Protein backbone atom coordinates (compact mmCIF):
# COMPACT_ATOMS: atom_id res chain seq x y z
CA MET A 1 -12.16 12.35 10.98
CA SER A 2 -15.20 10.38 12.09
CA GLN A 3 -17.72 9.26 9.54
CA LYS A 4 -21.44 9.32 10.07
CA THR A 5 -23.24 6.00 9.91
CA TRP A 6 -26.28 6.10 7.64
CA GLU A 7 -27.57 2.54 7.99
CA HIS A 8 -30.53 3.73 10.06
CA VAL A 9 -31.74 5.95 7.21
CA ASP A 10 -33.60 3.61 4.89
CA ARG A 11 -36.36 5.88 3.63
CA ASN A 12 -34.21 8.49 1.95
CA CYS A 13 -33.52 7.19 -1.55
CA LEU A 14 -30.85 9.83 -2.23
CA ILE A 15 -28.79 8.80 0.79
CA THR A 16 -29.31 5.13 -0.02
CA GLU A 17 -28.11 5.69 -3.58
CA GLN A 18 -25.01 7.57 -2.46
CA CYS A 19 -24.10 4.92 0.09
CA ALA A 20 -24.43 2.11 -2.46
CA TYR A 21 -21.80 3.23 -4.96
CA ASP A 22 -19.32 0.68 -6.26
CA ARG A 23 -15.73 1.77 -5.55
CA ASP A 24 -14.31 -0.22 -8.47
CA THR A 25 -16.76 1.32 -10.92
CA GLU A 26 -16.07 4.81 -9.60
CA ARG A 27 -12.30 4.23 -9.80
CA ARG A 28 -12.65 3.06 -13.42
CA LYS A 29 -14.78 6.09 -14.32
CA ALA A 30 -12.24 8.41 -12.69
CA MET A 31 -9.38 6.88 -14.67
CA GLU A 32 -11.38 7.29 -17.89
CA GLU A 33 -11.78 10.99 -17.13
CA ILE A 34 -8.19 11.52 -15.96
CA ILE A 35 -6.71 10.28 -19.23
CA GLN A 36 -8.75 12.92 -21.08
CA LEU A 37 -7.26 15.86 -19.18
CA ASN A 38 -5.29 18.36 -21.22
CA PRO A 39 -1.65 18.99 -20.16
CA GLU A 40 -2.49 21.97 -17.94
CA GLN A 41 -5.32 20.11 -16.21
CA SER A 42 -3.15 17.04 -15.81
CA SER A 43 -0.37 19.11 -14.23
CA ALA A 44 -2.81 20.64 -11.74
CA PHE A 45 -4.31 17.24 -10.97
CA GLU A 46 -0.87 15.72 -10.36
CA ALA A 47 0.06 18.63 -8.08
CA VAL A 48 -3.04 18.30 -5.91
CA THR A 49 -3.61 14.54 -5.82
CA PRO A 50 -0.73 13.64 -3.44
CA ILE A 51 -2.15 15.96 -0.79
CA PHE A 52 -5.37 13.93 -0.67
CA LYS A 53 -3.56 10.60 -0.74
CA GLN A 54 -1.66 11.60 2.40
CA THR A 55 -4.92 12.01 4.34
CA GLU A 56 -6.39 8.60 3.45
């Protein structure tokens, strides 16, 4: 899947903000949320997650 390049858009603060996220910070936040899942949510998460990892 091709990704759109947004470097030319410098006046849209919402796009700029979304393009400037820190992957390490987002990964840490995700892990903090994942450990709080209840057993049913965790089971669903574990069932779905491998599908997305295959497409990376």
